């Protein structure tokens, strides 16, 4: 029988597990135990002293018996590794009281040894999951997906140090999950990540690689970006479109809306009120799971856990009248929007601008903020004023830039690179690559965004830039 607490009878715990930190489990566990009178401050001091003894042993092991001390940063890292290992062992118990009992009754070095064995077992499972994923991955041309599988995970397997750096994840992962857990690190993070990327991959495989590729291509056209270079999650795109197709009464296995079907469905969805969004998406998820004959409990749970994210995003696009942005359709080239977002050359009044900035200052969702700006600004001057006033941060810039057409990007390029364009006859991409200083943060984010454009779109923007007369923009 496992040492993990396992009983059909639920035993009440004095310690509320929800109050415990996943990142500092043992420390938060002891703090709560002191608050509940389960540990005395003397017992905590004794546990900490035993940890210091373990630290001395590890230092001797790391230096191969040549020294009992190391630089402060290395010593701190070794202690973090020991505590992490203890965390791994103790947090397996459903009832935190059982973990406290072990801290009081068992030797700390033995608990750490058992934690090391658990970490070693999880590491071996990660290797097995990796080999499985390599054989069953999606064959889609998305760079971040393949770099994670081909480079990031092997780097972890090669670099991870169970004894001296158990808390270090030892790699950088580019591919985002629909549901990620940034509160953990080391083997715990990678173990969970591998389980989830395999689950997401399995789900997407149900539709076939070619349909997934077609979905990505349509998405890329919709945002006017080279999707292969984007840090996007495939599962989100797939489950979103499949779910909306299910609700629309179409076959979710088709994965992509035809443009006319999307128009009809968008009219319908715009009639939903805020309560109906949650209701209809939940009903749609129920039907989708039945249609796809999904019986795996982890996959079912994962879909339902993701649902609140889609509900929130759907509510946002309904408020901003941009439902089309979350439903991917097979749009004919001639149907693509060619008109400019900037319908006027006149700037907003000071009162209107203040009202706009007050509204976006209270928004925390990047997509929502971008949609609001797009639907309320009147001119390129308004946009630049917003940029220069620092109302956007981090990924909010990309969320906004991705909504611009070629003409808007050309206007911004003419503004951002005006000085360089006067004396430089290089191609737009080459000119942008040469940029190494920016007087505003938004221009640096814009440059990073532009470098991700496909060659075809970059040429389209460049052609438009040549026809824009900067002097007529009146930015003096």
Protein backbone atom coordinates (compact mmCIF):
# COMPACT_ATOMS: atom_id res chain seq x y z
CA UNK A 1 0.00 0.00 0.00
CA UNK A 2 1.30 3.47 -0.87
CA UNK A 3 2.45 5.79 1.88
CA UNK A 4 0.17 8.37 0.35
CA UNK A 5 -2.93 8.90 2.43
CA UNK A 6 -5.59 6.80 0.75
CA UNK A 7 -8.85 6.11 2.47
CA UNK A 8 -12.40 5.94 1.26
CA UNK A 9 -13.40 7.82 4.42
CA UNK A 10 -12.64 11.52 4.22
CA UNK A 11 -10.68 12.60 7.29
CA UNK A 12 -10.99 16.23 8.29
CA UNK A 13 -7.70 18.10 8.40
CA UNK A 14 -6.88 20.86 10.84
CA UNK A 15 -4.82 22.51 8.11
CA UNK A 16 -6.64 23.98 5.12
CA UNK A 17 -4.74 22.71 2.08
CA UNK A 18 -5.94 25.68 0.03
CA UNK A 19 -3.82 27.96 2.22
CA UNK A 20 -0.63 26.09 1.34
CA UNK A 21 1.74 27.38 -1.32
CA UNK A 22 2.58 25.04 -4.19
CA UNK A 23 5.88 26.84 -4.63
CA UNK A 24 6.88 26.84 -0.93
CA UNK A 25 4.87 23.89 0.31
CA UNK A 26 6.92 22.78 3.34
CA UNK A 27 7.43 26.30 4.67
CA UNK A 28 3.75 27.21 4.33
CA UNK A 29 2.81 23.82 5.85
CA UNK A 30 4.91 24.52 8.95
CA UNK A 31 3.52 28.06 9.25
CA UNK A 32 -0.05 26.76 9.22
CA UNK A 33 0.88 23.99 11.66
CA UNK A 34 2.23 26.57 14.11
CA UNK A 35 -0.96 28.63 13.72
CA UNK A 36 -3.06 25.53 14.45
CA UNK A 37 -0.94 24.52 17.44
CA UNK A 38 0.29 21.33 15.72
CA UNK A 39 3.93 22.42 15.76
CA UNK A 40 5.77 24.50 18.32
CA UNK A 41 8.33 27.10 17.33
CA UNK A 42 10.94 24.87 18.98
CA UNK A 43 9.95 21.96 16.73
CA UNK A 44 10.18 24.21 13.66
CA UNK A 45 13.65 25.31 14.74
CA UNK A 46 14.65 21.66 15.15
CA UNK A 47 13.40 20.82 11.63
CA UNK A 48 15.35 23.76 10.23
CA UNK A 49 18.47 22.60 12.09
CA UNK A 50 18.09 19.12 10.59
CA UNK A 51 17.80 20.72 7.14
CA UNK A 52 21.08 22.52 7.76
CA UNK A 53 22.69 19.19 8.63
CA UNK A 54 21.39 17.77 5.35
CA UNK A 55 22.78 20.83 3.57
CA UNK A 56 26.23 20.15 5.02
CA UNK A 57 26.05 16.57 3.73
CA UNK A 58 25.06 17.75 0.25
CA UNK A 59 27.88 20.31 0.19
CA UNK A 60 30.35 17.55 1.05
CA UNK A 61 28.83 15.42 -1.71
CA UNK A 62 29.03 18.24 -4.26
CA UNK A 63 32.64 19.10 -3.38
CA UNK A 64 33.53 15.40 -3.15
CA UNK A 65 34.60 15.83 0.45
CA UNK A 66 37.01 18.64 -0.27
CA UNK A 67 35.08 21.42 1.46
CA UNK A 68 32.29 22.05 3.96
CA UNK A 69 31.40 25.45 2.51
CA UNK A 70 30.49 27.05 -0.79
CA UNK A 71 29.75 30.60 -2.01
CA UNK A 72 26.47 31.99 -0.65
CA UNK A 73 24.61 31.75 -3.97
CA UNK A 74 25.53 28.09 -4.42
CA UNK A 75 24.63 27.27 -0.81
CA UNK A 76 21.27 29.01 -1.21
CA UNK A 77 20.58 27.03 -4.38
CA UNK A 78 21.44 23.73 -2.69
CA UNK A 79 19.11 24.51 0.22
CA UNK A 80 16.34 25.40 -2.25
CA UNK A 81 16.88 22.02 -3.92
CA UNK A 82 16.63 20.18 -0.58
CA UNK A 83 13.44 21.97 0.45
CA UNK A 84 11.95 21.36 -3.01
CA UNK A 85 12.68 17.63 -2.63
CA UNK A 86 10.99 17.66 0.76
CA UNK A 87 8.03 19.50 -0.83
CA UNK A 88 7.66 16.77 -3.45
CA UNK A 89 7.43 14.07 -0.79
CA UNK A 90 5.14 15.87 1.66
CA UNK A 91 2.61 17.31 -0.78
CA UNK A 92 1.61 13.83 -1.96
CA UNK A 93 -0.49 13.42 1.18
CA UNK A 94 -4.11 14.43 0.69
CA UNK A 95 -4.36 15.28 4.39
CA UNK A 96 -1.68 17.86 5.34
CA UNK A 97 -1.92 16.67 8.96
CA UNK A 98 -0.27 13.41 7.88
CA UNK A 99 2.67 15.37 6.49
CA UNK A 100 3.06 17.25 9.78
CA UNK A 101 3.08 13.94 11.65
CA UNK A 102 5.95 12.73 9.47
CA UNK A 103 7.90 15.95 10.00
CA UNK A 104 7.62 15.39 13.75
CA UNK A 105 8.32 11.65 13.84
CA UNK A 106 10.64 10.78 10.92
CA UNK A 107 14.21 11.83 10.26
CA UNK A 108 14.38 14.74 7.82
CA UNK A 109 17.17 13.11 5.82
CA UNK A 110 14.97 10.05 5.29
CA UNK A 111 12.06 12.18 4.08
CA UNK A 112 14.41 13.93 1.64
CA UNK A 113 15.73 10.56 0.46
CA UNK A 114 12.17 9.40 -0.25
CA UNK A 115 11.51 12.68 -2.07
CA UNK A 116 14.60 12.10 -4.20
CA UNK A 117 13.31 8.65 -5.13
CA UNK A 118 9.95 10.15 -6.13
CA UNK A 119 11.66 12.79 -8.26
CA UNK A 120 13.76 10.09 -9.91
CA UNK A 121 10.61 8.10 -10.71
CA UNK A 122 8.90 11.18 -12.19
CA UNK A 123 12.00 11.94 -14.25
CA UNK A 124 11.87 8.41 -15.70
CA UNK A 125 8.17 8.88 -16.51
CA UNK A 126 8.97 12.14 -18.28
CA UNK A 127 11.49 10.29 -20.45
CA UNK A 128 8.84 7.71 -21.35
CA UNK A 129 6.28 10.43 -22.11
CA UNK A 130 8.82 12.23 -24.27
CA UNK A 131 9.53 9.14 -26.37
CA UNK A 132 5.78 8.62 -26.77
CA UNK A 133 5.21 12.26 -27.79
CA UNK A 134 7.99 12.14 -30.41
CA UNK A 135 6.22 9.22 -32.08
CA UNK A 136 2.73 10.71 -31.82
CA UNK A 137 3.24 14.46 -32.23
CA UNK A 138 1.23 16.64 -34.58
CA UNK A 139 2.87 17.05 -37.97
CA UNK A 140 2.10 20.75 -38.26
CA UNK A 141 4.53 23.55 -39.23
CA UNK A 142 4.41 25.49 -35.96
CA UNK A 143 7.93 26.37 -34.86
CA UNK A 144 7.33 26.72 -31.12
CA UNK A 145 5.59 23.31 -30.94
CA UNK A 146 8.46 21.49 -32.60
CA UNK A 147 11.24 23.43 -30.86
CA UNK A 148 9.70 22.46 -27.54
CA UNK A 149 9.60 18.78 -28.46
CA UNK A 150 12.88 18.65 -30.37
CA UNK A 151 14.99 20.97 -28.22
CA UNK A 152 13.44 22.12 -24.93
CA UNK A 153 12.41 18.74 -23.51
CA UNK A 154 15.68 16.99 -24.49
CA UNK A 155 17.55 19.88 -22.86
CA UNK A 156 15.64 19.26 -19.64
CA UNK A 157 16.34 15.52 -19.76
CA UNK A 158 20.03 16.18 -20.30
CA UNK A 159 20.49 19.06 -17.85
CA UNK A 160 18.14 18.32 -14.94
CA UNK A 161 20.03 17.63 -11.71
CA UNK A 162 17.97 15.60 -9.22
CA UNK A 163 20.33 16.01 -6.26
CA UNK A 164 21.84 19.49 -6.54
CA UNK A 165 19.19 21.48 -8.46
CA UNK A 166 15.90 19.62 -8.16
CA UNK A 167 13.97 22.91 -8.13
CA UNK A 168 15.40 24.16 -11.45
CA UNK A 169 13.40 23.40 -14.60
CA UNK A 170 16.66 23.51 -16.58
CA UNK A 171 15.14 24.49 -19.93
CA UNK A 172 13.09 27.17 -21.67
CA UNK A 173 9.76 26.12 -23.15
CA UNK A 174 8.22 28.21 -25.94
CA UNK A 175 5.02 26.29 -26.67
CA UNK A 176 2.18 27.58 -24.46
CA UNK A 177 -0.43 25.22 -23.06
CA UNK A 178 -4.13 26.00 -22.84
CA UNK A 179 -3.79 25.41 -19.11
CA UNK A 180 -0.33 25.98 -17.67
CA UNK A 181 0.83 25.97 -14.05
CA UNK A 182 3.46 28.62 -13.38
CA UNK A 183 3.31 28.06 -9.60
CA UNK A 184 5.56 25.01 -9.81
CA UNK A 185 9.01 24.33 -11.21
CA UNK A 186 11.58 21.58 -11.67
CA UNK A 187 10.39 18.04 -12.29
CA UNK A 188 6.89 18.89 -11.03
CA UNK A 189 6.43 21.46 -13.77
CA UNK A 190 7.86 19.29 -16.53
CA UNK A 191 5.86 16.24 -15.45
CA UNK A 192 2.60 18.19 -15.57
CA UNK A 193 3.60 19.92 -18.81
CA UNK A 194 4.30 16.62 -20.57
CA UNK A 195 1.00 15.09 -19.46
CA UNK A 196 -0.90 18.11 -20.72
CA UNK A 197 0.87 18.53 -24.06
CA UNK A 198 0.24 14.84 -24.78
CA UNK A 199 -3.43 15.26 -23.82
CA UNK A 200 -3.78 18.34 -26.04
CA UNK A 201 -1.99 16.57 -28.89
CA UNK A 202 -4.30 13.55 -28.58
CA UNK A 203 -7.35 15.80 -28.77
CA UNK A 204 -6.09 17.63 -31.85
CA UNK A 205 -5.14 14.33 -33.52
CA UNK A 206 -8.83 13.40 -33.52
CA UNK A 207 -9.34 15.90 -36.34
CA UNK A 208 -6.35 14.86 -38.44
CA UNK A 209 -3.14 16.76 -39.07
CA UNK A 210 -4.24 18.19 -42.42
CA UNK A 211 -7.38 19.79 -41.01
CA UNK A 212 -5.37 21.26 -38.15
CA UNK A 213 -2.89 22.70 -40.66
CA UNK A 214 -5.76 24.19 -42.67
CA UNK A 215 -7.15 25.73 -39.49
CA UNK A 216 -3.77 27.27 -38.71
CA UNK A 217 -3.48 28.62 -42.26
CA UNK A 218 -6.92 30.23 -42.06
CA UNK A 219 -6.06 31.68 -38.66
CA UNK A 220 -2.80 33.07 -40.06
CA UNK A 221 -4.66 34.77 -42.91
CA UNK A 222 -7.21 36.19 -40.48
CA UNK A 223 -4.54 37.89 -38.37
CA UNK A 224 -2.30 38.66 -41.37
CA UNK A 225 0.65 36.91 -39.75
CA UNK A 226 2.95 34.01 -40.50
CA UNK A 227 1.38 31.60 -38.01
CA UNK A 228 4.42 29.32 -38.12
CA UNK A 229 6.35 31.89 -36.07
CA UNK A 230 3.61 32.64 -33.55
CA UNK A 231 3.57 31.43 -29.93
CA UNK A 232 0.05 30.05 -30.14
CA UNK A 233 -1.71 27.06 -28.61
CA UNK A 234 -3.14 24.63 -31.16
CA UNK A 235 -5.58 23.03 -28.71
CA UNK A 236 -7.31 26.37 -28.07
CA UNK A 237 -7.86 27.02 -31.77
CA UNK A 238 -9.11 23.49 -32.35
CA UNK A 239 -11.45 23.23 -29.36
CA UNK A 240 -12.83 26.75 -29.93
CA UNK A 241 -13.76 26.14 -33.55
CA UNK A 242 -15.01 22.59 -32.94
CA UNK A 243 -17.20 23.82 -30.08
CA UNK A 244 -18.67 26.69 -32.08
CA UNK A 245 -19.33 24.37 -35.03
CA UNK A 246 -21.13 22.01 -32.65
CA UNK A 247 -23.30 24.84 -31.31
CA UNK A 248 -23.99 26.03 -34.87
CA UNK A 249 -25.31 22.58 -35.77
CA UNK A 250 -22.39 21.82 -38.08
CA UNK A 251 -20.03 18.85 -38.03
CA UNK A 252 -17.24 19.74 -35.55
CA UNK A 253 -14.89 17.34 -37.32
CA UNK A 254 -14.86 19.74 -40.28
CA UNK A 255 -13.03 22.08 -37.89
CA UNK A 256 -13.37 25.19 -40.08
CA UNK A 257 -16.42 27.34 -40.76
CA UNK A 258 -17.31 28.27 -44.29
CA UNK A 259 -17.56 32.06 -44.48
CA UNK A 260 -21.33 32.14 -45.08
CA UNK A 261 -21.95 29.72 -42.20
CA UNK A 262 -19.87 31.90 -39.91
CA UNK A 263 -21.87 34.99 -40.88
CA UNK A 264 -25.12 33.23 -39.98
CA UNK A 265 -23.69 31.92 -36.71
CA UNK A 266 -22.23 35.29 -35.74
CA UNK A 267 -25.68 36.89 -36.11
CA UNK A 268 -27.04 34.21 -33.78
CA UNK A 269 -24.31 34.47 -31.17
CA UNK A 270 -24.65 38.26 -31.01
CA UNK A 271 -28.10 37.71 -29.51
CA UNK A 272 -26.69 35.90 -26.48
CA UNK A 273 -26.73 37.72 -23.17
CA UNK A 274 -23.94 37.29 -20.62
CA UNK A 275 -25.66 34.43 -18.76
CA UNK A 276 -26.44 32.59 -22.00
CA UNK A 277 -22.76 32.60 -23.00
CA UNK A 278 -21.86 30.32 -20.09
CA UNK A 279 -24.96 28.18 -20.58
CA UNK A 280 -24.62 27.65 -24.34
CA UNK A 281 -20.87 26.99 -24.22
CA UNK A 282 -21.36 24.42 -21.44
CA UNK A 283 -24.14 22.71 -23.42
CA UNK A 284 -21.95 22.84 -26.52
CA UNK A 285 -19.06 21.25 -24.64
CA UNK A 286 -21.34 18.46 -23.42
CA UNK A 287 -22.49 17.73 -26.98
CA UNK A 288 -18.98 18.00 -28.42
CA UNK A 289 -17.67 15.41 -25.96
CA UNK A 290 -20.53 13.10 -26.99
CA UNK A 291 -20.02 13.73 -30.72
CA UNK A 292 -16.30 13.00 -30.51
CA UNK A 293 -16.97 10.03 -28.20
CA UNK A 294 -14.43 11.21 -25.66
CA UNK A 295 -14.39 8.81 -22.71
CA UNK A 296 -11.02 9.65 -21.17
CA UNK A 297 -11.80 11.41 -17.89
CA UNK A 298 -8.65 13.56 -17.94
CA UNK A 299 -9.50 14.92 -21.40
CA UNK A 300 -13.10 15.63 -20.38
CA UNK A 301 -11.91 17.44 -17.25
CA UNK A 302 -9.33 19.40 -19.24
CA UNK A 303 -11.98 20.64 -21.68
CA UNK A 304 -14.26 21.75 -18.85
CA UNK A 305 -11.35 23.40 -17.03
CA UNK A 306 -10.55 25.36 -20.19
CA UNK A 307 -14.17 26.44 -20.69
CA UNK A 308 -14.07 29.49 -18.33
CA UNK A 309 -11.28 30.95 -20.49
CA UNK A 310 -13.43 30.67 -23.61
CA UNK A 311 -16.48 32.00 -21.76
CA UNK A 312 -14.55 35.09 -20.67
CA UNK A 313 -13.16 35.69 -24.14
CA UNK A 314 -16.57 35.22 -25.78
CA UNK A 315 -18.11 37.75 -23.40
CA UNK A 316 -15.34 40.22 -24.24
CA UNK A 317 -15.76 39.95 -28.01
CA UNK A 318 -19.54 40.27 -27.65
CA UNK A 319 -19.07 43.49 -25.68
CA UNK A 320 -16.66 44.81 -28.30
CA UNK A 321 -18.67 43.58 -31.30
CA UNK A 322 -15.79 41.47 -32.64
CA UNK A 323 -17.15 37.92 -32.47
CA UNK A 324 -15.51 37.03 -35.78
CA UNK A 325 -12.09 37.24 -34.12
CA UNK A 326 -12.58 33.99 -32.18
CA UNK A 327 -14.22 31.94 -34.95
CA UNK A 328 -11.91 30.83 -37.76
CA UNK A 329 -13.44 30.59 -41.22
CA UNK A 330 -12.21 29.75 -44.69
CA UNK A 331 -12.33 33.28 -46.11
CA UNK A 332 -11.80 33.90 -49.79
CA UNK A 333 -8.98 36.34 -50.58
CA UNK A 334 -11.27 38.87 -52.20
CA UNK A 335 -13.43 38.95 -49.07
CA UNK A 336 -10.60 40.19 -46.85
CA UNK A 337 -11.04 43.61 -45.30
CA UNK A 338 -9.16 46.30 -47.18
CA UNK A 339 -10.44 49.47 -45.54
CA UNK A 340 -8.49 51.31 -42.90
CA UNK A 341 -9.34 51.27 -39.20
CA UNK A 342 -8.66 55.00 -39.17
CA UNK A 343 -11.79 56.49 -40.67
CA UNK A 344 -10.93 60.12 -39.95
CA UNK A 345 -7.95 62.44 -40.10
CA UNK A 346 -9.38 64.43 -37.19
CA UNK A 347 -8.16 63.65 -33.69
CA UNK A 348 -10.53 63.04 -30.80
CA UNK A 349 -11.35 65.93 -28.50
CA UNK A 350 -9.48 66.08 -25.18
CA UNK A 351 -12.65 65.01 -23.39
CA UNK A 352 -13.20 62.03 -25.70
CA UNK A 353 -9.57 60.98 -25.41
CA UNK A 354 -9.68 61.19 -21.60
CA UNK A 355 -12.81 59.04 -21.54
CA UNK A 356 -11.12 56.46 -23.79
CA UNK A 357 -7.98 56.29 -21.67
CA UNK A 358 -10.00 56.05 -18.45
CA UNK A 359 -11.82 53.04 -19.88
CA UNK A 360 -8.74 51.16 -21.06
CA UNK A 361 -6.92 51.88 -17.79
CA UNK A 362 -9.51 49.73 -16.01
CA UNK A 363 -9.09 46.80 -18.44
CA UNK A 364 -6.70 43.94 -17.69
CA UNK A 365 -7.42 41.56 -20.57
CA UNK A 366 -5.12 42.24 -23.55
CA UNK A 367 -7.68 41.14 -26.14
CA UNK A 368 -10.44 43.22 -24.58
CA UNK A 369 -8.25 46.31 -24.39
CA UNK A 370 -7.15 45.93 -28.02
CA UNK A 371 -10.72 45.52 -29.25
CA UNK A 372 -11.87 48.58 -27.33
CA UNK A 373 -9.11 50.78 -28.74
CA UNK A 374 -9.75 49.60 -32.31
CA UNK A 375 -13.47 50.33 -32.11
CA UNK A 376 -13.11 53.77 -30.49
CA UNK A 377 -10.12 55.57 -32.00
CA UNK A 378 -10.77 57.86 -34.95
CA UNK A 379 -7.34 58.53 -36.40
CA UNK A 380 -3.70 57.51 -36.47
CA UNK A 381 -3.03 60.56 -34.28
CA UNK A 382 -5.26 59.13 -31.53
CA UNK A 383 -3.42 55.84 -31.68
CA UNK A 384 0.03 57.41 -31.41
CA UNK A 385 -1.18 59.53 -28.48
CA UNK A 386 -2.29 56.36 -26.68
CA UNK A 387 1.04 54.68 -27.41
CA UNK A 388 3.07 57.66 -26.21
CA UNK A 389 1.04 57.89 -23.00
CA UNK A 390 2.02 54.35 -21.92
CA UNK A 391 -1.44 52.85 -21.56
CA UNK A 392 -0.32 49.47 -22.94
CA UNK A 393 2.03 46.87 -21.47
CA UNK A 394 3.76 43.71 -22.67
CA UNK A 395 1.57 41.38 -24.74
CA UNK A 396 -1.11 44.08 -25.02
CA UNK A 397 0.95 45.64 -27.82
CA UNK A 398 0.92 42.44 -29.91
CA UNK A 399 -2.80 41.98 -29.23
CA UNK A 400 -3.39 45.41 -30.78
CA UNK A 401 -0.86 45.18 -33.63
CA UNK A 402 -2.33 41.85 -34.75
CA UNK A 403 -5.64 43.59 -35.47
CA UNK A 404 -4.13 46.02 -37.96
CA UNK A 405 -4.31 45.58 -41.70
CA UNK A 406 -1.41 46.24 -44.09
CA UNK A 407 -2.30 49.90 -44.44
CA UNK A 408 -2.28 50.54 -40.68
CA UNK A 409 1.07 48.77 -40.36
CA UNK A 410 2.41 50.85 -43.25
CA UNK A 411 1.30 54.07 -41.53
CA UNK A 412 2.97 53.06 -38.28
CA UNK A 413 6.12 51.98 -40.14
CA UNK A 414 6.30 55.40 -41.81
CA UNK A 415 6.09 57.01 -38.37
CA UNK A 416 8.43 54.69 -36.46
CA UNK A 417 11.14 54.44 -39.12
CA UNK A 418 10.79 57.90 -40.67
CA UNK A 419 14.37 59.04 -39.99
CA UNK A 420 15.89 55.76 -41.15
CA UNK A 421 13.82 55.70 -44.35
CA UNK A 422 15.08 59.12 -45.41
CA UNK A 423 18.68 57.93 -45.75
CA UNK A 424 18.31 54.18 -46.15
CA UNK A 425 17.24 52.43 -49.34
CA UNK A 426 17.32 48.90 -47.89
CA UNK A 427 14.26 46.67 -47.86
CA UNK A 428 11.83 47.27 -45.01
CA UNK A 429 12.78 44.01 -43.27
CA UNK A 430 16.50 44.77 -43.49
CA UNK A 431 15.94 48.28 -42.22
CA UNK A 432 13.87 47.04 -39.29
CA UNK A 433 16.50 44.46 -38.37
CA UNK A 434 19.08 47.23 -38.12
CA UNK A 435 17.08 49.09 -35.45
CA UNK A 436 18.75 48.98 -32.03
CA UNK A 437 17.40 52.03 -30.18
CA UNK A 438 13.86 53.27 -29.53
CA UNK A 439 12.62 56.39 -27.78
CA UNK A 440 9.33 54.70 -26.86
CA UNK A 441 8.60 51.17 -25.68
CA UNK A 442 5.72 50.75 -28.13
CA UNK A 443 8.11 51.21 -31.06
CA UNK A 444 10.32 48.38 -29.80
CA UNK A 445 7.32 46.06 -29.52
CA UNK A 446 6.16 47.17 -32.96
CA UNK A 447 9.56 46.30 -34.43
CA UNK A 448 9.48 42.83 -32.86
CA UNK A 449 5.98 42.35 -34.26
CA UNK A 450 6.97 43.44 -37.76
CA UNK A 451 9.89 41.01 -37.85
CA UNK A 452 7.42 38.14 -37.42
CA UNK A 453 5.47 39.03 -40.58
CA UNK A 454 5.64 36.67 -43.52
CA UNK A 455 7.75 37.78 -46.50
CA UNK A 456 4.61 38.19 -48.59
CA UNK A 457 2.97 40.50 -46.11
CA UNK A 458 6.15 42.45 -45.44
CA UNK A 459 6.40 43.22 -49.16
CA UNK A 460 2.76 44.31 -49.19
CA UNK A 461 3.35 46.68 -46.27
CA UNK A 462 6.57 47.97 -47.86
CA UNK A 463 4.76 48.81 -51.08
CA UNK A 464 2.14 50.80 -49.16
CA UNK A 465 4.82 52.60 -47.13
CA UNK A 466 6.34 53.98 -50.33
CA UNK A 467 3.04 55.66 -51.23
CA UNK A 468 2.57 57.40 -47.87
CA UNK A 469 3.59 61.05 -47.60
CA UNK A 470 4.76 61.55 -44.02
CA UNK A 471 4.39 65.34 -44.22
CA UNK A 472 0.65 64.95 -44.71
CA UNK A 473 0.33 63.11 -41.40
CA UNK A 474 0.96 66.37 -39.48
CA UNK A 475 2.84 65.01 -36.48
CA UNK A 476 4.72 68.24 -35.90
